[in-house]
């Protein structure tokens, strides 16, 4: 028995698809996961928001993140870096990133941070933010950034993930990422 997980079953060859049993699974809504984490796992709402954003509809993953000290430390480290991102030097950025075991999670946290900046800039509403507890710094960065600049940063984060997966030199990828963030 082989289990294949995909969001695009049409990408498989017809001979493979003819031998498959397709099970369509739906993700659980973010509201339901947040409510579950707050009621059953006694997680504060601001922490539940971050876990829900990362879980992407997977209750088990949300529960694991909510109870993971490593994830909370990773988030705290990323937020501290993001608050000072425009003042730090390249070597500081690379050294901070090198300490991270799960670089993709770190980059995802950065993406959520800049998504919050974009959302606040567009709506000036703090209710939709994932990092509600960091609203002061999000407001400050939103006032300094343009829409196209934030979009460029989000694209650079996606490119960094792709490049790291393709085994491009880590230092070079991080340097390009930081330069893009500082420019925008």
N, C-alpha and C. Protein backbone atom coordinates (compact mmCIF):
# COMPACT_ATOMS: atom_id res chain seq x y z
N UNK A 1 0.85 -1.17 0.00
CA UNK A 1 0.00 0.00 0.00
C UNK A 1 0.89 1.23 0.00
N UNK A 2 0.63 2.13 -0.90
CA UNK A 2 1.35 3.39 -0.98
C UNK A 2 0.33 4.51 -0.85
N UNK A 3 0.63 5.46 0.00
CA UNK A 3 -0.26 6.60 0.18
C UNK A 3 0.38 7.81 -0.49
N UNK A 4 -0.36 8.43 -1.39
CA UNK A 4 0.10 9.62 -2.09
C UNK A 4 -0.77 10.80 -1.66
N UNK A 5 -0.13 11.85 -1.18
CA UNK A 5 -0.85 13.05 -0.79
C UNK A 5 -0.58 14.13 -1.82
N UNK A 6 -1.64 14.74 -2.30
CA UNK A 6 -1.47 15.79 -3.31
C UNK A 6 -2.63 16.76 -3.27
N UNK A 7 -2.37 17.94 -3.76
CA UNK A 7 -3.44 18.91 -3.97
C UNK A 7 -3.78 18.99 -5.45
N UNK A 8 -3.07 18.19 -6.27
CA UNK A 8 -3.29 18.19 -7.71
C UNK A 8 -3.19 16.76 -8.23
N UNK A 9 -4.24 16.01 -8.11
CA UNK A 9 -4.25 14.61 -8.55
C UNK A 9 -4.09 14.49 -10.06
N UNK A 10 -4.43 15.54 -10.78
CA UNK A 10 -4.32 15.51 -12.24
C UNK A 10 -2.86 15.43 -12.71
N UNK A 11 -1.92 15.70 -11.81
CA UNK A 11 -0.51 15.66 -12.18
C UNK A 11 0.00 14.22 -12.31
N UNK A 12 -0.74 13.24 -11.78
CA UNK A 12 -0.32 11.85 -11.87
C UNK A 12 -0.66 11.26 -13.24
N UNK A 13 0.12 10.30 -13.64
CA UNK A 13 -0.15 9.60 -14.90
C UNK A 13 -1.47 8.85 -14.79
N UNK A 14 -2.20 8.74 -15.89
CA UNK A 14 -3.48 8.03 -15.86
C UNK A 14 -3.36 6.58 -15.37
N UNK A 15 -2.23 5.92 -15.66
CA UNK A 15 -2.06 4.53 -15.21
C UNK A 15 -1.95 4.46 -13.68
N UNK A 16 -1.38 5.47 -13.09
CA UNK A 16 -1.30 5.51 -11.62
C UNK A 16 -2.66 5.83 -11.04
N UNK A 17 -3.33 6.81 -11.61
CA UNK A 17 -4.65 7.20 -11.11
C UNK A 17 -5.66 6.05 -11.20
N UNK A 18 -5.54 5.21 -12.24
CA UNK A 18 -6.49 4.11 -12.41
C UNK A 18 -6.36 3.07 -11.29
N UNK A 19 -5.25 3.07 -10.61
CA UNK A 19 -5.02 2.10 -9.53
C UNK A 19 -5.19 2.73 -8.13
N UNK A 20 -5.63 3.95 -8.11
CA UNK A 20 -5.74 4.67 -6.83
C UNK A 20 -7.18 4.72 -6.32
N UNK A 21 -7.28 4.76 -5.02
CA UNK A 21 -8.54 5.07 -4.37
C UNK A 21 -8.38 6.50 -3.88
N UNK A 22 -9.21 7.40 -4.37
CA UNK A 22 -9.09 8.81 -4.03
C UNK A 22 -9.94 9.12 -2.81
N UNK A 23 -9.31 9.68 -1.81
CA UNK A 23 -10.01 10.14 -0.62
C UNK A 23 -9.85 11.65 -0.53
N UNK A 24 -10.92 12.35 -0.74
CA UNK A 24 -10.86 13.81 -0.66
C UNK A 24 -11.04 14.24 0.79
N UNK A 25 -10.04 14.88 1.33
CA UNK A 25 -10.07 15.34 2.71
C UNK A 25 -10.20 16.85 2.73
N UNK A 26 -10.96 17.32 3.65
CA UNK A 26 -11.14 18.77 3.79
C UNK A 26 -10.41 19.23 5.03
N UNK A 27 -9.86 20.42 4.94
CA UNK A 27 -9.19 20.99 6.11
C UNK A 27 -10.25 21.50 7.09
N UNK A 28 -9.88 21.53 8.34
CA UNK A 28 -10.77 22.03 9.39
C UNK A 28 -10.65 23.55 9.39
N UNK A 29 -11.75 24.25 9.59
CA UNK A 29 -11.72 25.71 9.54
C UNK A 29 -10.86 26.27 10.67
N UNK A 30 -10.24 27.40 10.40
CA UNK A 30 -9.37 28.05 11.38
C UNK A 30 -10.11 28.39 12.66
N UNK A 31 -11.36 28.83 12.53
CA UNK A 31 -12.14 29.19 13.71
C UNK A 31 -12.36 27.99 14.63
N UNK A 32 -12.64 26.83 14.04
CA UNK A 32 -12.87 25.63 14.85
C UNK A 32 -11.58 25.19 15.55
N UNK A 33 -10.47 25.27 14.82
CA UNK A 33 -9.20 24.88 15.43
C UNK A 33 -8.84 25.83 16.57
N UNK A 34 -9.02 27.12 16.35
CA UNK A 34 -8.70 28.11 17.39
C UNK A 34 -9.57 27.87 18.62
N UNK A 35 -10.84 27.65 18.41
CA UNK A 35 -11.76 27.42 19.53
C UNK A 35 -11.34 26.16 20.30
N UNK A 36 -10.98 25.10 19.56
CA UNK A 36 -10.55 23.87 20.20
C UNK A 36 -9.29 24.09 21.03
N UNK A 37 -8.30 24.78 20.45
CA UNK A 37 -7.06 25.03 21.18
C UNK A 37 -7.30 25.84 22.46
N UNK A 38 -8.18 26.83 22.36
CA UNK A 38 -8.44 27.69 23.51
C UNK A 38 -9.23 26.94 24.60
N UNK A 39 -10.19 26.13 24.20
CA UNK A 39 -11.04 25.45 25.18
C UNK A 39 -10.41 24.19 25.76
N UNK A 40 -9.85 23.35 24.90
CA UNK A 40 -9.37 22.04 25.36
C UNK A 40 -7.89 22.04 25.72
N UNK A 41 -7.11 22.90 25.09
CA UNK A 41 -5.67 22.91 25.35
C UNK A 41 -5.26 24.11 26.20
N UNK A 42 -6.23 24.96 26.52
CA UNK A 42 -6.00 26.14 27.37
C UNK A 42 -4.89 27.05 26.82
N UNK A 43 -4.93 27.27 25.50
CA UNK A 43 -3.96 28.11 24.83
C UNK A 43 -4.54 29.52 24.72
N UNK A 44 -3.76 30.56 25.05
CA UNK A 44 -4.26 31.94 24.90
C UNK A 44 -4.56 32.26 23.44
N UNK A 45 -5.46 33.19 23.20
CA UNK A 45 -5.90 33.47 21.83
C UNK A 45 -4.78 33.90 20.90
N UNK A 46 -3.84 34.74 21.38
CA UNK A 46 -2.75 35.19 20.51
C UNK A 46 -1.85 34.03 20.10
N UNK A 47 -1.64 33.06 20.99
CA UNK A 47 -0.84 31.89 20.66
C UNK A 47 -1.62 30.96 19.74
N UNK A 48 -2.91 30.84 19.96
CA UNK A 48 -3.75 30.00 19.11
C UNK A 48 -3.77 30.53 17.68
N UNK A 49 -3.78 31.85 17.52
CA UNK A 49 -3.77 32.45 16.18
C UNK A 49 -2.54 32.01 15.38
N UNK A 50 -1.39 32.05 16.01
CA UNK A 50 -0.15 31.67 15.32
C UNK A 50 -0.17 30.18 14.99
N UNK A 51 -0.60 29.36 15.93
CA UNK A 51 -0.66 27.91 15.69
C UNK A 51 -1.63 27.58 14.56
N UNK A 52 -2.76 28.25 14.52
CA UNK A 52 -3.75 28.04 13.47
C UNK A 52 -3.19 28.44 12.11
N UNK A 53 -2.48 29.56 12.08
CA UNK A 53 -1.90 30.03 10.81
C UNK A 53 -0.92 29.00 10.25
N UNK A 54 -0.16 28.36 11.12
CA UNK A 54 0.80 27.36 10.67
C UNK A 54 0.16 26.02 10.37
N UNK A 55 -0.90 25.67 11.06
CA UNK A 55 -1.50 24.35 10.92
C UNK A 55 -2.18 24.15 9.58
N UNK A 56 -2.68 25.22 8.98
CA UNK A 56 -3.34 25.16 7.68
C UNK A 56 -4.43 24.08 7.63
N UNK A 57 -5.27 24.08 8.66
CA UNK A 57 -6.40 23.18 8.67
C UNK A 57 -6.15 21.83 9.31
N UNK A 58 -4.95 21.59 9.80
CA UNK A 58 -4.58 20.31 10.40
C UNK A 58 -4.62 20.45 11.92
N UNK A 59 -5.62 19.83 12.56
CA UNK A 59 -5.81 19.95 14.00
C UNK A 59 -4.62 19.36 14.76
N UNK A 60 -4.14 18.22 14.34
CA UNK A 60 -3.00 17.58 15.00
C UNK A 60 -1.77 18.47 15.00
N UNK A 61 -1.51 19.10 13.86
CA UNK A 61 -0.35 19.98 13.78
C UNK A 61 -0.55 21.20 14.69
N UNK A 62 -1.74 21.74 14.73
CA UNK A 62 -2.03 22.90 15.59
C UNK A 62 -1.80 22.53 17.05
N UNK A 63 -2.25 21.35 17.45
CA UNK A 63 -2.06 20.91 18.84
C UNK A 63 -0.58 20.71 19.15
N UNK A 64 0.15 20.13 18.21
CA UNK A 64 1.58 19.91 18.41
C UNK A 64 2.32 21.24 18.54
N UNK A 65 1.97 22.21 17.70
CA UNK A 65 2.62 23.52 17.77
C UNK A 65 2.29 24.24 19.07
N UNK A 66 1.04 24.11 19.51
CA UNK A 66 0.61 24.80 20.73
C UNK A 66 1.35 24.27 21.95
N UNK A 67 1.71 23.00 21.92
CA UNK A 67 2.38 22.42 23.08
C UNK A 67 3.90 22.35 22.92
N UNK A 68 4.42 22.86 21.81
CA UNK A 68 5.85 22.77 21.53
C UNK A 68 6.60 23.99 22.05
N UNK A 69 7.49 23.75 22.98
CA UNK A 69 8.34 24.83 23.47
C UNK A 69 9.32 25.28 22.38
N UNK A 70 9.77 24.33 21.56
CA UNK A 70 10.69 24.68 20.47
C UNK A 70 10.05 25.66 19.50
N UNK A 71 8.78 25.42 19.17
CA UNK A 71 8.09 26.32 18.25
C UNK A 71 7.92 27.71 18.86
N UNK A 72 7.59 27.76 20.16
CA UNK A 72 7.42 29.05 20.82
C UNK A 72 8.74 29.82 20.86
N UNK A 73 9.84 29.11 21.08
CA UNK A 73 11.17 29.74 21.07
C UNK A 73 11.52 30.23 19.66
N UNK A 74 11.21 29.42 18.66
CA UNK A 74 11.46 29.80 17.27
C UNK A 74 10.69 31.05 16.91
N UNK A 75 9.42 31.09 17.29
CA UNK A 75 8.58 32.26 17.02
C UNK A 75 9.13 33.49 17.71
N UNK A 76 9.50 33.36 18.98
CA UNK A 76 10.03 34.50 19.73
C UNK A 76 11.32 35.01 19.10
N UNK A 77 12.20 34.11 18.70
CA UNK A 77 13.46 34.51 18.07
C UNK A 77 13.21 35.22 16.75
N UNK A 78 12.29 34.68 15.97
CA UNK A 78 11.98 35.30 14.67
C UNK A 78 11.38 36.69 14.85
N UNK A 79 10.47 36.84 15.79
CA UNK A 79 9.83 38.14 16.02
C UNK A 79 10.86 39.16 16.50
N UNK A 80 11.76 38.75 17.38
CA UNK A 80 12.80 39.67 17.84
C UNK A 80 13.67 40.14 16.68
N UNK A 81 14.01 39.22 15.79
CA UNK A 81 14.80 39.58 14.62
C UNK A 81 14.02 40.50 13.69
N UNK A 82 12.76 40.19 13.48
CA UNK A 82 11.93 40.98 12.56
C UNK A 82 11.70 42.40 13.08
N UNK A 83 11.65 42.58 14.38
CA UNK A 83 11.49 43.92 14.95
C UNK A 83 12.70 44.80 14.65
N UNK A 84 13.88 44.17 14.55
CA UNK A 84 15.11 44.93 14.33
C UNK A 84 15.66 44.77 12.91
N UNK A 85 14.90 44.19 12.02
CA UNK A 85 15.40 43.78 10.71
C UNK A 85 16.04 44.92 9.92
N UNK A 86 15.54 46.14 10.08
CA UNK A 86 16.08 47.25 9.30
C UNK A 86 17.34 47.83 9.92
N UNK A 87 17.65 47.50 11.16
CA UNK A 87 18.84 48.02 11.81
C UNK A 87 20.01 47.04 11.84
N UNK A 88 19.73 45.75 11.63
CA UNK A 88 20.80 44.77 11.80
C UNK A 88 21.67 44.68 10.55
N UNK A 89 22.87 44.19 10.77
CA UNK A 89 23.82 43.98 9.67
C UNK A 89 23.65 42.57 9.11
N UNK A 90 24.20 42.39 7.94
CA UNK A 90 24.07 41.11 7.24
C UNK A 90 24.64 39.96 8.07
N UNK A 91 25.80 40.15 8.68
CA UNK A 91 26.42 39.06 9.44
C UNK A 91 25.55 38.67 10.64
N UNK A 92 24.89 39.64 11.28
CA UNK A 92 24.00 39.34 12.41
C UNK A 92 22.82 38.50 11.94
N UNK A 93 22.26 38.88 10.79
CA UNK A 93 21.11 38.16 10.23
C UNK A 93 21.49 36.72 9.91
N UNK A 94 22.63 36.54 9.23
CA UNK A 94 23.04 35.19 8.85
C UNK A 94 23.35 34.34 10.08
N UNK A 95 23.98 34.92 11.09
CA UNK A 95 24.28 34.17 12.30
C UNK A 95 23.00 33.75 13.04
N UNK A 96 22.02 34.66 13.10
CA UNK A 96 20.75 34.33 13.75
C UNK A 96 20.04 33.21 13.01
N UNK A 97 20.05 33.28 11.70
CA UNK A 97 19.38 32.27 10.88
C UNK A 97 20.09 30.92 10.96
N UNK A 98 21.41 30.93 11.05
CA UNK A 98 22.17 29.67 11.10
C UNK A 98 21.86 28.87 12.37
N UNK A 99 21.41 29.53 13.41
CA UNK A 99 21.10 28.85 14.66
C UNK A 99 19.78 28.08 14.59
N UNK A 100 19.00 28.33 13.56
CA UNK A 100 17.66 27.76 13.44
C UNK A 100 17.73 26.37 12.83
N UNK A 101 17.04 25.43 13.46
CA UNK A 101 16.99 24.05 12.96
C UNK A 101 15.97 23.91 11.84
N UNK A 102 14.82 24.54 12.01
CA UNK A 102 13.73 24.43 11.04
C UNK A 102 13.63 25.73 10.25
N UNK A 103 14.44 25.87 9.22
CA UNK A 103 14.51 27.13 8.48
C UNK A 103 13.21 27.43 7.75
N UNK A 104 12.51 26.41 7.27
CA UNK A 104 11.25 26.66 6.57
C UNK A 104 10.20 27.23 7.52
N UNK A 105 10.15 26.73 8.75
CA UNK A 105 9.22 27.30 9.74
C UNK A 105 9.58 28.75 10.04
N UNK A 106 10.87 29.02 10.12
CA UNK A 106 11.34 30.38 10.39
C UNK A 106 10.91 31.31 9.26
N UNK A 107 11.10 30.86 8.03
CA UNK A 107 10.69 31.67 6.88
C UNK A 107 9.17 31.84 6.84
N UNK A 108 8.44 30.80 7.26
CA UNK A 108 6.98 30.91 7.34
C UNK A 108 6.56 31.95 8.37
N UNK A 109 7.25 32.00 9.50
CA UNK A 109 6.96 33.02 10.51
C UNK A 109 7.20 34.40 9.92
N UNK A 110 8.30 34.54 9.18
CA UNK A 110 8.59 35.82 8.53
C UNK A 110 7.49 36.19 7.53
N UNK A 111 7.00 35.21 6.80
CA UNK A 111 5.93 35.48 5.83
C UNK A 111 4.66 35.94 6.53
N UNK A 112 4.33 35.31 7.64
CA UNK A 112 3.14 35.71 8.38
C UNK A 112 3.31 37.12 8.94
N UNK A 113 4.51 37.45 9.39
CA UNK A 113 4.80 38.79 9.90
C UNK A 113 4.55 39.84 8.81
N UNK A 114 5.11 39.61 7.63
CA UNK A 114 4.95 40.58 6.55
C UNK A 114 3.53 40.57 5.99
N UNK A 115 2.85 39.43 6.08
CA UNK A 115 1.43 39.38 5.72
C UNK A 115 0.63 40.27 6.66
N UNK A 116 0.97 40.23 7.96
CA UNK A 116 0.30 41.10 8.92
C UNK A 116 0.57 42.57 8.63
N UNK A 117 1.79 42.89 8.25
CA UNK A 117 2.13 44.27 7.91
C UNK A 117 1.29 44.72 6.71
N UNK A 118 1.21 43.87 5.70
CA UNK A 118 0.42 44.19 4.51
C UNK A 118 -1.06 44.34 4.86
N UNK A 119 -1.57 43.43 5.66
CA UNK A 119 -2.97 43.48 6.05
C UNK A 119 -3.27 44.75 6.84
N UNK A 120 -2.40 45.10 7.78
CA UNK A 120 -2.62 46.32 8.56
C UNK A 120 -2.53 47.55 7.67
N UNK A 121 -1.57 47.58 6.77
CA UNK A 121 -1.41 48.73 5.87
C UNK A 121 -2.66 48.91 5.01
N UNK A 122 -3.24 47.81 4.56
CA UNK A 122 -4.41 47.87 3.68
C UNK A 122 -5.69 48.21 4.44
N UNK A 123 -5.82 47.74 5.69
CA UNK A 123 -7.10 47.88 6.38
C UNK A 123 -7.06 48.72 7.65
N UNK A 124 -5.89 48.90 8.23
CA UNK A 124 -5.69 49.52 9.55
C UNK A 124 -6.53 48.84 10.63
N UNK A 125 -6.85 47.58 10.42
CA UNK A 125 -7.64 46.80 11.38
C UNK A 125 -6.72 45.78 12.04
N UNK A 126 -6.63 45.81 13.36
CA UNK A 126 -5.76 44.88 14.09
C UNK A 126 -6.43 43.54 14.34
N UNK A 127 -7.72 43.42 14.13
CA UNK A 127 -8.44 42.19 14.44
C UNK A 127 -8.03 41.02 13.56
N UNK A 128 -7.62 41.27 12.33
CA UNK A 128 -7.24 40.18 11.42
C UNK A 128 -5.79 39.77 11.53
N UNK A 129 -5.03 40.42 12.40
CA UNK A 129 -3.60 40.13 12.51
C UNK A 129 -3.35 38.82 13.26
N UNK A 130 -2.34 38.10 12.84
CA UNK A 130 -1.91 36.90 13.54
C UNK A 130 -1.08 37.30 14.77
N UNK A 131 -0.17 38.24 14.58
CA UNK A 131 0.69 38.71 15.66
C UNK A 131 0.06 39.94 16.33
N UNK A 132 -1.12 39.75 16.89
CA UNK A 132 -1.83 40.86 17.56
C UNK A 132 -1.02 41.45 18.71
N UNK A 133 -0.25 40.61 19.38
CA UNK A 133 0.53 41.08 20.52
C UNK A 133 1.74 41.92 20.11
N UNK A 134 2.01 42.03 18.83
CA UNK A 134 3.12 42.83 18.31
C UNK A 134 2.62 43.97 17.44
N UNK A 135 1.42 44.46 17.73
CA UNK A 135 0.77 45.43 16.86
C UNK A 135 1.56 46.74 16.75
N UNK A 136 2.23 47.16 17.80
CA UNK A 136 2.99 48.41 17.74
C UNK A 136 4.07 48.33 16.66
N UNK A 137 4.84 47.25 16.65
CA UNK A 137 5.91 47.10 15.66
C UNK A 137 5.36 46.87 14.25
N UNK A 138 4.22 46.20 14.16
CA UNK A 138 3.60 46.00 12.85
C UNK A 138 3.14 47.34 12.28
N UNK A 139 2.53 48.17 13.11
CA UNK A 139 2.11 49.51 12.66
C UNK A 139 3.31 50.32 12.21
N UNK A 140 4.39 50.26 12.97
CA UNK A 140 5.59 51.03 12.66
C UNK A 140 6.16 50.60 11.31
N UNK A 141 6.27 49.29 11.09
CA UNK A 141 6.83 48.81 9.82
C UNK A 141 5.87 49.07 8.66
N UNK A 142 4.56 49.00 8.91
CA UNK A 142 3.59 49.27 7.85
C UNK A 142 3.69 50.72 7.38
N UNK A 143 3.96 51.63 8.29
CA UNK A 143 4.05 53.04 7.91
C UNK A 143 5.30 53.33 7.08
N UNK A 144 6.33 52.49 7.21
CA UNK A 144 7.59 52.69 6.49
C UNK A 144 7.64 51.95 5.16
N UNK A 145 6.69 51.06 4.91
CA UNK A 145 6.75 50.20 3.74
C UNK A 145 5.66 50.53 2.73
N UNK A 146 5.96 50.29 1.47
CA UNK A 146 4.96 50.46 0.42
C UNK A 146 4.32 49.11 0.13
N UNK A 147 3.18 49.14 -0.54
CA UNK A 147 2.52 47.89 -0.91
C UNK A 147 3.43 47.04 -1.80
N UNK A 148 4.04 47.67 -2.79
CA UNK A 148 4.91 46.92 -3.70
C UNK A 148 6.15 46.40 -2.97
N UNK A 149 6.63 47.16 -1.98
CA UNK A 149 7.77 46.71 -1.20
C UNK A 149 7.45 45.48 -0.38
N UNK A 150 6.29 45.46 0.25
CA UNK A 150 5.89 44.30 1.05
C UNK A 150 5.68 43.09 0.14
N UNK A 151 5.09 43.34 -1.02
CA UNK A 151 4.90 42.25 -1.99
C UNK A 151 6.24 41.69 -2.44
N UNK A 152 7.22 42.56 -2.65
CA UNK A 152 8.56 42.11 -3.05
C UNK A 152 9.20 41.26 -1.96
N UNK A 153 8.99 41.64 -0.71
CA UNK A 153 9.53 40.87 0.42
C UNK A 153 8.88 39.49 0.48
N UNK A 154 7.57 39.43 0.33
CA UNK A 154 6.87 38.14 0.35
C UNK A 154 7.35 37.24 -0.79
N UNK A 155 7.55 37.83 -1.96
CA UNK A 155 8.07 37.06 -3.10
C UNK A 155 9.49 36.57 -2.82
N UNK A 156 10.30 37.42 -2.19
CA UNK A 156 11.68 37.03 -1.86
C UNK A 156 11.70 35.89 -0.85
N UNK A 157 10.77 35.89 0.09
CA UNK A 157 10.68 34.80 1.05
C UNK A 157 10.33 33.49 0.34
N UNK A 158 9.38 33.54 -0.59
CA UNK A 158 9.03 32.34 -1.36
C UNK A 158 10.23 31.85 -2.17
N UNK A 159 10.93 32.77 -2.82
CA UNK A 159 12.11 32.40 -3.61
C UNK A 159 13.18 31.79 -2.72
N UNK A 160 13.35 32.33 -1.52
CA UNK A 160 14.35 31.80 -0.60
C UNK A 160 14.04 30.35 -0.26
N UNK A 161 12.77 30.04 -0.01
CA UNK A 161 12.39 28.66 0.29
C UNK A 161 12.69 27.74 -0.88
N UNK A 162 12.36 28.19 -2.08
CA UNK A 162 12.62 27.38 -3.29
C UNK A 162 14.13 27.17 -3.48
N UNK A 163 14.89 28.23 -3.30
CA UNK A 163 16.34 28.15 -3.48
C UNK A 163 16.97 27.21 -2.46
N UNK A 164 16.52 27.29 -1.22
CA UNK A 164 17.07 26.39 -0.20
C UNK A 164 16.74 24.94 -0.50
N UNK A 165 15.54 24.70 -1.00
CA UNK A 165 15.15 23.34 -1.40
C UNK A 165 16.03 22.84 -2.54
N UNK A 166 16.44 23.77 -3.42
CA UNK A 166 17.28 23.41 -4.56
C UNK A 166 18.77 23.40 -4.20
N UNK A 167 19.09 23.51 -2.91
CA UNK A 167 20.47 23.47 -2.41
C UNK A 167 21.35 24.61 -2.91
N UNK A 168 20.77 25.77 -3.10
CA UNK A 168 21.56 26.96 -3.40
C UNK A 168 22.30 27.34 -2.12
N UNK A 169 23.45 27.93 -2.23
CA UNK A 169 24.27 28.32 -1.09
C UNK A 169 23.45 29.10 -0.06
N UNK A 170 23.44 28.60 1.18
CA UNK A 170 22.64 29.18 2.26
C UNK A 170 22.97 30.64 2.50
N UNK A 171 24.26 30.97 2.60
CA UNK A 171 24.66 32.35 2.88
C UNK A 171 24.19 33.29 1.77
N UNK A 172 24.30 32.84 0.55
CA UNK A 172 23.88 33.66 -0.59
C UNK A 172 22.37 33.90 -0.56
N UNK A 173 21.60 32.87 -0.27
CA UNK A 173 20.14 32.99 -0.20
C UNK A 173 19.75 33.98 0.90
N UNK A 174 20.37 33.87 2.06
CA UNK A 174 20.04 34.76 3.17
C UNK A 174 20.47 36.20 2.88
N UNK A 175 21.58 36.35 2.20
CA UNK A 175 22.05 37.69 1.84
C UNK A 175 21.06 38.36 0.88
N UNK A 176 20.62 37.62 -0.12
CA UNK A 176 19.64 38.17 -1.07
C UNK A 176 18.33 38.52 -0.36
N UNK A 177 17.91 37.66 0.56
CA UNK A 177 16.68 37.89 1.30
C UNK A 177 16.79 39.16 2.14
N UNK A 178 17.85 39.30 2.89
CA UNK A 178 18.01 40.47 3.75
C UNK A 178 18.10 41.75 2.91
N UNK A 179 18.82 41.70 1.82
CA UNK A 179 18.93 42.89 0.95
C UNK A 179 17.56 43.31 0.42
N UNK A 180 16.76 42.33 0.02
CA UNK A 180 15.41 42.63 -0.46
C UNK A 180 14.56 43.25 0.64
N UNK A 181 14.66 42.70 1.84
CA UNK A 181 13.89 43.25 2.96
C UNK A 181 14.33 44.67 3.26
N UNK A 182 15.63 44.91 3.29
CA UNK A 182 16.13 46.26 3.62
C UNK A 182 15.76 47.28 2.52
N UNK A 183 15.76 46.85 1.28
CA UNK A 183 15.40 47.74 0.18
C UNK A 183 13.93 48.14 0.21
N UNK A 184 13.10 47.26 0.73
CA UNK A 184 11.67 47.48 0.66
C UNK A 184 11.07 47.76 2.01
